[in-house]
Amino acid sequence: MAKQAKTAIKKDPKLAAEAKNYTKVIRAVRSPKTGAYTFKEAMMHKDKVKDYLAQTK
């Protein structure tokens, strides 16, 4: 028999509802030295995604 996951999200429905508001954003960033792309990952609230992607870095 498989073990159950013991997380706070499964126990508390309020936390589960709040966790659905977060998004993983992956951004491709070009290296000025080599020209190769690297990827930056970030977890953020879904309301801040457009602002994050609008930044030029």
Protein backbone atom coordinates (compact mmCIF):
# COMPACT_ATOMS: atom_id res chain seq x y z
CA MET A 1 0.00 0.00 0.00
CA ALA A 2 1.38 3.42 -0.96
CA LYS A 3 2.11 6.10 1.60
CA GLN A 4 0.02 9.25 1.63
CA ALA A 5 1.63 12.62 1.10
CA LYS A 6 1.80 14.58 4.32
CA THR A 7 1.56 18.19 3.30
CA ALA A 8 -0.19 21.15 4.81
CA ILE A 9 -1.92 21.87 1.50
CA LYS A 10 -3.85 18.61 1.52
CA LYS A 11 -4.96 19.12 5.13
CA ASP A 12 -6.10 22.74 4.85
CA PRO A 13 -8.49 23.64 2.00
CA LYS A 14 -7.78 27.35 2.51
CA LEU A 15 -4.07 26.81 1.76
CA ALA A 16 -4.94 24.67 -1.26
CA ALA A 17 -7.06 27.49 -2.70
CA GLU A 18 -4.24 30.01 -2.17
CA ALA A 19 -1.65 27.70 -3.77
CA LYS A 20 -3.62 27.74 -7.02
CA ASN A 21 -2.86 31.45 -7.37
CA TYR A 22 0.87 30.84 -7.87
CA THR A 23 2.55 30.22 -11.22
CA LYS A 24 5.97 28.98 -12.26
CA VAL A 25 7.47 31.42 -14.77
CA ILE A 26 10.38 30.38 -17.00
CA ARG A 27 12.24 33.13 -18.82
CA ALA A 28 14.95 32.73 -21.48
CA VAL A 29 17.89 35.08 -20.93
CA ARG A 30 20.65 35.51 -23.51
CA SER A 31 24.21 35.63 -22.21
CA PRO A 32 26.08 38.71 -23.49
CA LYS A 33 29.39 36.84 -23.31
CA THR A 34 28.60 33.67 -25.27
CA GLY A 35 25.24 34.40 -26.88
CA ALA A 36 23.78 31.20 -25.44
CA TYR A 37 20.41 31.16 -23.73
CA THR A 38 19.94 30.30 -20.07
CA PHE A 39 16.64 29.89 -18.30
CA LYS A 40 15.57 31.66 -15.12
CA GLU A 41 12.73 30.10 -13.13
CA ALA A 42 10.60 31.86 -10.54
CA MET A 43 7.47 31.08 -8.54
CA MET A 44 5.22 34.08 -8.18
CA HIS A 45 1.65 35.19 -7.71
CA LYS A 46 -0.33 35.13 -10.94
CA ASP A 47 -1.03 38.88 -10.72
CA LYS A 48 2.70 39.73 -10.93
CA VAL A 49 3.57 37.63 -14.00
CA LYS A 50 3.03 40.37 -16.61
CA ASP A 51 5.19 42.82 -14.65
CA TYR A 52 7.97 40.24 -14.34
CA LEU A 53 7.97 39.42 -18.05
CA ALA A 54 7.90 43.12 -18.98
CA GLN A 55 11.24 43.71 -17.22
CA THR A 56 14.25 43.84 -19.52
CA LYS A 57 17.18 42.10 -17.86
